[in-house]
Amino acid sequence: MRDHQVVAKLGTSQCLTRDGLVKAVKLRNSINGEIAAKLQNLVEYERSPNSSDKDWESRCEEFVKFVRAMEATHLIDEEIWHYTSDLKIRRKDPNYSAAQVDYVFSYIEKFEKYSQEE
């Protein structure tokens, strides 16, 4: 492999040039930032006094569609998937709710950190 080629592969057998890798990393970081922002919006909406369960579930569906469209499902922990579907449980169990929301906030911090890396 020559110096101008990348030694890493991104899910394919195709090698990227350094410029290609830089673009791929920037795209990944951008996606991480978007995931963090969308999760933050979900938590804020859920806590809003004007939120409705139906609208919140619709927003979760949009989040899932976005993650799938970006082919980023591998970036999402199982606990985040649970967060998008456990609204009724959180409504009944404040301890479970607090634990899930705390986890989501720590996850958001991780994604924000990654989105700022070069």
N, C-alpha and C. Protein backbone atom coordinates (compact mmCIF):
# COMPACT_ATOMS: atom_id res chain seq x y z
N MET A 1 0.85 -1.18 0.00
CA MET A 1 0.00 0.00 0.00
C MET A 1 0.89 1.24 0.00
N ARG A 2 0.57 2.19 -0.80
CA ARG A 2 1.36 3.41 -0.90
C ARG A 2 1.01 4.39 0.20
N ASP A 3 1.90 5.38 0.41
CA ASP A 3 1.68 6.37 1.46
C ASP A 3 0.38 7.14 1.30
N HIS A 4 -0.04 7.36 0.07
CA HIS A 4 -1.24 8.17 -0.14
C HIS A 4 -2.52 7.38 0.04
N GLN A 5 -2.42 6.09 0.34
CA GLN A 5 -3.61 5.29 0.57
C GLN A 5 -3.86 5.14 2.07
N VAL A 6 -5.06 4.84 2.39
CA VAL A 6 -5.46 4.70 3.78
C VAL A 6 -5.27 3.25 4.20
N VAL A 7 -4.85 3.05 5.44
CA VAL A 7 -4.68 1.70 5.93
C VAL A 7 -5.95 1.17 6.58
N ALA A 8 -6.91 2.04 6.79
CA ALA A 8 -8.17 1.62 7.40
C ALA A 8 -9.23 1.47 6.34
N LYS A 9 -10.16 0.61 6.57
CA LYS A 9 -11.29 0.43 5.69
C LYS A 9 -12.56 0.75 6.47
N LEU A 10 -13.52 1.32 5.79
CA LEU A 10 -14.75 1.73 6.47
C LEU A 10 -15.92 0.84 6.04
N GLY A 11 -15.89 -0.39 6.47
CA GLY A 11 -17.02 -1.28 6.21
C GLY A 11 -17.09 -1.82 4.79
N THR A 12 -16.09 -1.58 3.98
CA THR A 12 -16.07 -2.12 2.62
C THR A 12 -14.66 -2.60 2.33
N SER A 13 -14.51 -3.23 1.19
CA SER A 13 -13.17 -3.65 0.80
C SER A 13 -12.46 -2.55 0.03
N GLN A 14 -13.06 -1.41 -0.07
CA GLN A 14 -12.52 -0.30 -0.84
C GLN A 14 -11.63 0.57 0.04
N CYS A 15 -10.41 0.85 -0.43
CA CYS A 15 -9.51 1.73 0.30
C CYS A 15 -9.80 3.17 -0.08
N LEU A 16 -9.61 4.07 0.86
CA LEU A 16 -9.82 5.48 0.61
C LEU A 16 -8.49 6.20 0.58
N THR A 17 -8.46 7.30 -0.13
CA THR A 17 -7.29 8.16 -0.06
C THR A 17 -7.32 8.89 1.27
N ARG A 18 -6.25 9.55 1.63
CA ARG A 18 -6.25 10.32 2.88
C ARG A 18 -7.34 11.37 2.86
N ASP A 19 -7.51 12.06 1.72
CA ASP A 19 -8.58 13.06 1.62
C ASP A 19 -9.94 12.39 1.82
N GLY A 20 -10.10 11.21 1.27
CA GLY A 20 -11.35 10.48 1.43
C GLY A 20 -11.60 10.10 2.87
N LEU A 21 -10.54 9.70 3.57
CA LEU A 21 -10.67 9.35 4.98
C LEU A 21 -11.03 10.58 5.80
N VAL A 22 -10.38 11.70 5.51
CA VAL A 22 -10.68 12.94 6.24
C VAL A 22 -12.15 13.30 6.04
N LYS A 23 -12.64 13.18 4.81
CA LYS A 23 -14.05 13.48 4.54
C LYS A 23 -14.96 12.50 5.28
N ALA A 24 -14.58 11.22 5.31
CA ALA A 24 -15.39 10.22 6.00
C ALA A 24 -15.43 10.49 7.50
N VAL A 25 -14.30 10.86 8.08
CA VAL A 25 -14.25 11.16 9.51
C VAL A 25 -15.11 12.39 9.82
N LYS A 26 -15.01 13.40 8.98
CA LYS A 26 -15.83 14.60 9.19
C LYS A 26 -17.32 14.27 9.08
N LEU A 27 -17.67 13.40 8.13
CA LEU A 27 -19.06 12.99 7.99
C LEU A 27 -19.52 12.23 9.23
N ARG A 28 -18.67 11.29 9.72
CA ARG A 28 -19.00 10.54 10.93
C ARG A 28 -19.20 11.49 12.11
N ASN A 29 -18.30 12.46 12.24
CA ASN A 29 -18.40 13.41 13.34
C ASN A 29 -19.66 14.26 13.22
N SER A 30 -20.01 14.62 12.00
CA SER A 30 -21.23 15.38 11.76
C SER A 30 -22.46 14.55 12.15
N ILE A 31 -22.45 13.28 11.78
CA ILE A 31 -23.56 12.39 12.14
C ILE A 31 -23.64 12.25 13.65
N ASN A 32 -22.49 12.09 14.31
CA ASN A 32 -22.48 12.01 15.78
C ASN A 32 -23.11 13.25 16.39
N GLY A 33 -22.77 14.43 15.86
CA GLY A 33 -23.35 15.67 16.36
C GLY A 33 -24.84 15.73 16.15
N GLU A 34 -25.31 15.25 14.99
CA GLU A 34 -26.74 15.24 14.72
C GLU A 34 -27.47 14.26 15.63
N ILE A 35 -26.86 13.10 15.88
CA ILE A 35 -27.47 12.13 16.79
C ILE A 35 -27.60 12.75 18.18
N ALA A 36 -26.54 13.39 18.66
CA ALA A 36 -26.58 14.04 19.98
C ALA A 36 -27.68 15.09 20.03
N ALA A 37 -27.78 15.91 19.00
CA ALA A 37 -28.80 16.97 18.99
C ALA A 37 -30.21 16.38 18.97
N LYS A 38 -30.40 15.33 18.19
CA LYS A 38 -31.73 14.72 18.12
C LYS A 38 -32.11 14.06 19.45
N LEU A 39 -31.16 13.42 20.11
CA LEU A 39 -31.43 12.84 21.42
C LEU A 39 -31.76 13.92 22.44
N GLN A 40 -31.01 15.01 22.40
CA GLN A 40 -31.26 16.14 23.30
C GLN A 40 -32.67 16.68 23.09
N ASN A 41 -33.07 16.81 21.83
CA ASN A 41 -34.42 17.29 21.52
C ASN A 41 -35.49 16.34 22.04
N LEU A 42 -35.24 15.03 21.95
CA LEU A 42 -36.20 14.06 22.47
C LEU A 42 -36.38 14.22 23.97
N VAL A 43 -35.27 14.32 24.70
CA VAL A 43 -35.36 14.47 26.16
C VAL A 43 -36.07 15.77 26.52
N GLU A 44 -35.70 16.86 25.86
CA GLU A 44 -36.33 18.14 26.16
C GLU A 44 -37.82 18.11 25.85
N TYR A 45 -38.18 17.49 24.73
CA TYR A 45 -39.61 17.43 24.38
C TYR A 45 -40.38 16.60 25.40
N GLU A 46 -39.80 15.45 25.79
CA GLU A 46 -40.48 14.59 26.76
C GLU A 46 -40.73 15.34 28.07
N ARG A 47 -39.80 16.18 28.49
CA ARG A 47 -39.92 16.92 29.74
C ARG A 47 -40.81 18.16 29.61
N SER A 48 -41.14 18.53 28.41
CA SER A 48 -41.96 19.72 28.18
C SER A 48 -43.39 19.48 28.67
N PRO A 49 -43.97 20.48 29.34
CA PRO A 49 -45.36 20.31 29.81
C PRO A 49 -46.36 20.22 28.66
N ASN A 50 -45.96 20.66 27.47
CA ASN A 50 -46.86 20.64 26.32
C ASN A 50 -46.70 19.39 25.46
N SER A 51 -45.86 18.44 25.89
CA SER A 51 -45.62 17.27 25.06
C SER A 51 -46.78 16.29 25.15
N SER A 52 -46.98 15.56 24.07
CA SER A 52 -47.98 14.49 24.06
C SER A 52 -47.25 13.18 23.78
N ASP A 53 -47.77 12.11 24.33
CA ASP A 53 -47.14 10.80 24.13
C ASP A 53 -47.11 10.45 22.64
N LYS A 54 -48.20 10.72 21.96
CA LYS A 54 -48.29 10.38 20.54
C LYS A 54 -47.24 11.16 19.73
N ASP A 55 -47.10 12.42 19.99
CA ASP A 55 -46.11 13.23 19.28
C ASP A 55 -44.70 12.80 19.63
N TRP A 56 -44.47 12.47 20.91
CA TRP A 56 -43.15 12.01 21.33
C TRP A 56 -42.78 10.72 20.61
N GLU A 57 -43.73 9.78 20.53
CA GLU A 57 -43.48 8.52 19.83
C GLU A 57 -43.19 8.77 18.35
N SER A 58 -43.88 9.73 17.76
CA SER A 58 -43.63 10.09 16.37
C SER A 58 -42.21 10.65 16.19
N ARG A 59 -41.78 11.47 17.14
CA ARG A 59 -40.42 12.01 17.10
C ARG A 59 -39.38 10.90 17.25
N CYS A 60 -39.69 9.91 18.06
CA CYS A 60 -38.78 8.77 18.20
C CYS A 60 -38.69 7.99 16.89
N GLU A 61 -39.81 7.81 16.23
CA GLU A 61 -39.80 7.14 14.93
C GLU A 61 -38.93 7.90 13.93
N GLU A 62 -39.01 9.22 13.95
CA GLU A 62 -38.17 10.04 13.07
C GLU A 62 -36.69 9.86 13.41
N PHE A 63 -36.37 9.78 14.71
CA PHE A 63 -34.99 9.55 15.13
C PHE A 63 -34.49 8.21 14.60
N VAL A 64 -35.30 7.17 14.77
CA VAL A 64 -34.91 5.83 14.30
C VAL A 64 -34.71 5.84 12.78
N LYS A 65 -35.61 6.48 12.05
CA LYS A 65 -35.47 6.56 10.59
C LYS A 65 -34.19 7.29 10.21
N PHE A 66 -33.87 8.37 10.93
CA PHE A 66 -32.64 9.11 10.65
C PHE A 66 -31.42 8.22 10.86
N VAL A 67 -31.36 7.54 11.99
CA VAL A 67 -30.21 6.68 12.30
C VAL A 67 -30.06 5.60 11.24
N ARG A 68 -31.16 5.01 10.85
CA ARG A 68 -31.11 3.97 9.80
C ARG A 68 -30.68 4.55 8.46
N ALA A 69 -31.20 5.71 8.12
CA ALA A 69 -30.85 6.35 6.85
C ALA A 69 -29.36 6.69 6.78
N MET A 70 -28.80 7.05 7.92
CA MET A 70 -27.37 7.37 7.98
C MET A 70 -26.51 6.11 8.13
N GLU A 71 -27.17 4.95 8.17
CA GLU A 71 -26.49 3.67 8.37
C GLU A 71 -25.62 3.73 9.62
N ALA A 72 -26.22 4.27 10.68
CA ALA A 72 -25.49 4.49 11.93
C ALA A 72 -26.07 3.68 13.09
N THR A 73 -26.84 2.64 12.80
CA THR A 73 -27.45 1.87 13.88
C THR A 73 -26.39 1.25 14.79
N HIS A 74 -25.22 0.96 14.26
CA HIS A 74 -24.15 0.38 15.07
C HIS A 74 -23.60 1.37 16.10
N LEU A 75 -23.89 2.65 15.94
CA LEU A 75 -23.41 3.67 16.87
C LEU A 75 -24.31 3.82 18.09
N ILE A 76 -25.48 3.22 18.04
CA ILE A 76 -26.49 3.43 19.07
C ILE A 76 -26.52 2.25 20.04
N ASP A 77 -26.31 2.54 21.32
CA ASP A 77 -26.38 1.50 22.35
C ASP A 77 -27.81 0.99 22.51
N GLU A 78 -27.91 -0.23 23.01
CA GLU A 78 -29.22 -0.84 23.24
C GLU A 78 -30.08 0.01 24.18
N GLU A 79 -29.44 0.64 25.17
CA GLU A 79 -30.19 1.47 26.12
C GLU A 79 -30.87 2.65 25.43
N ILE A 80 -30.25 3.17 24.39
CA ILE A 80 -30.87 4.28 23.65
C ILE A 80 -32.09 3.77 22.89
N TRP A 81 -31.99 2.59 22.30
CA TRP A 81 -33.16 2.02 21.61
C TRP A 81 -34.29 1.83 22.62
N HIS A 82 -33.96 1.36 23.83
CA HIS A 82 -34.98 1.21 24.87
C HIS A 82 -35.60 2.56 25.21
N TYR A 83 -34.77 3.58 25.31
CA TYR A 83 -35.28 4.91 25.63
C TYR A 83 -36.35 5.35 24.62
N THR A 84 -36.14 5.02 23.36
CA THR A 84 -37.10 5.46 22.33
C THR A 84 -38.41 4.68 22.38
N SER A 85 -38.46 3.60 23.16
CA SER A 85 -39.69 2.79 23.18
C SER A 85 -40.28 2.58 24.58
N ASP A 86 -39.66 3.09 25.61
CA ASP A 86 -40.09 2.83 26.99
C ASP A 86 -40.83 3.99 27.66
N LEU A 87 -41.47 4.82 26.90
CA LEU A 87 -42.13 6.00 27.48
C LEU A 87 -43.16 5.61 28.55
N LYS A 88 -43.98 4.63 28.27
CA LYS A 88 -45.02 4.25 29.24
C LYS A 88 -44.40 3.73 30.54
N ILE A 89 -43.31 3.00 30.43
CA ILE A 89 -42.63 2.50 31.64
C ILE A 89 -42.06 3.67 32.43
N ARG A 90 -41.45 4.64 31.73
CA ARG A 90 -40.90 5.81 32.43
C ARG A 90 -41.99 6.60 33.13
N ARG A 91 -43.16 6.68 32.52
CA ARG A 91 -44.27 7.41 33.14
C ARG A 91 -44.72 6.75 34.45
N LYS A 92 -44.62 5.41 34.51
CA LYS A 92 -45.06 4.67 35.70
C LYS A 92 -43.98 4.54 36.76
N ASP A 93 -42.71 4.59 36.36
CA ASP A 93 -41.61 4.32 37.28
C ASP A 93 -40.58 5.45 37.25
N PRO A 94 -40.67 6.40 38.19
CA PRO A 94 -39.75 7.54 38.20
C PRO A 94 -38.28 7.15 38.32
N ASN A 95 -37.98 6.07 39.05
CA ASN A 95 -36.58 5.64 39.17
C ASN A 95 -36.03 5.13 37.84
N TYR A 96 -36.85 4.37 37.15
CA TYR A 96 -36.45 3.88 35.82
C TYR A 96 -36.27 5.07 34.87
N SER A 97 -37.18 6.01 34.95
CA SER A 97 -37.11 7.20 34.11
C SER A 97 -35.81 7.97 34.36
N ALA A 98 -35.51 8.20 35.63
CA ALA A 98 -34.29 8.94 35.98
C ALA A 98 -33.05 8.22 35.48
N ALA A 99 -33.01 6.89 35.64
CA ALA A 99 -31.86 6.12 35.19
C ALA A 99 -31.71 6.20 33.67
N GLN A 100 -32.82 6.08 32.95
CA GLN A 100 -32.74 6.16 31.48
C GLN A 100 -32.29 7.54 31.02
N VAL A 101 -32.88 8.56 31.59
CA VAL A 101 -32.53 9.92 31.16
C VAL A 101 -31.07 10.23 31.50
N ASP A 102 -30.61 9.80 32.65
CA ASP A 102 -29.20 9.98 33.00
C ASP A 102 -28.30 9.30 31.98
N TYR A 103 -28.68 8.08 31.58
CA TYR A 103 -27.88 7.37 30.58
C TYR A 103 -27.88 8.12 29.25
N VAL A 104 -29.04 8.61 28.85
CA VAL A 104 -29.13 9.35 27.58
C VAL A 104 -28.25 10.59 27.63
N PHE A 105 -28.26 11.31 28.75
CA PHE A 105 -27.40 12.50 28.86
C PHE A 105 -25.93 12.13 28.76
N SER A 106 -25.52 11.03 29.38
CA SER A 106 -24.11 10.63 29.27
C SER A 106 -23.78 10.22 27.84
N TYR A 107 -24.73 9.63 27.17
CA TYR A 107 -24.54 9.25 25.76
C TYR A 107 -24.43 10.48 24.87
N ILE A 108 -25.26 11.47 25.15
CA ILE A 108 -25.21 12.73 24.40
C ILE A 108 -23.83 13.37 24.57
N GLU A 109 -23.32 13.40 25.78
CA GLU A 109 -21.99 13.97 26.03
C GLU A 109 -20.93 13.25 25.21
N LYS A 110 -21.04 11.91 25.14
CA LYS A 110 -20.07 11.13 24.36
C LYS A 110 -20.15 11.53 22.88
N PHE A 111 -21.35 11.61 22.34
CA PHE A 111 -21.50 11.96 20.93
C PHE A 111 -21.05 13.38 20.65
N GLU A 112 -21.32 14.31 21.56
CA GLU A 112 -20.86 15.68 21.36
C GLU A 112 -19.34 15.74 21.36
N LYS A 113 -18.72 14.96 22.24
CA LYS A 113 -17.26 14.91 22.29
C LYS A 113 -16.71 14.39 20.96
N TYR A 114 -17.28 13.28 20.47
CA TYR A 114 -16.82 12.68 19.22
C TYR A 114 -17.07 13.59 18.03
N SER A 115 -18.15 14.34 18.07
CA SER A 115 -18.47 15.21 16.93
C SER A 115 -17.51 16.37 16.82
N GLN A 116 -16.77 16.68 17.89
CA GLN A 116 -15.82 17.79 17.87
C GLN A 116 -14.40 17.34 17.53
N GLU A 117 -14.19 16.03 17.43
CA GLU A 117 -12.84 15.53 17.10
C GLU A 117 -12.53 15.76 15.64
N GLU A 118 -11.30 15.94 15.38
CA GLU A 118 -10.85 16.10 13.98
C GLU A 118 -10.14 14.87 13.53
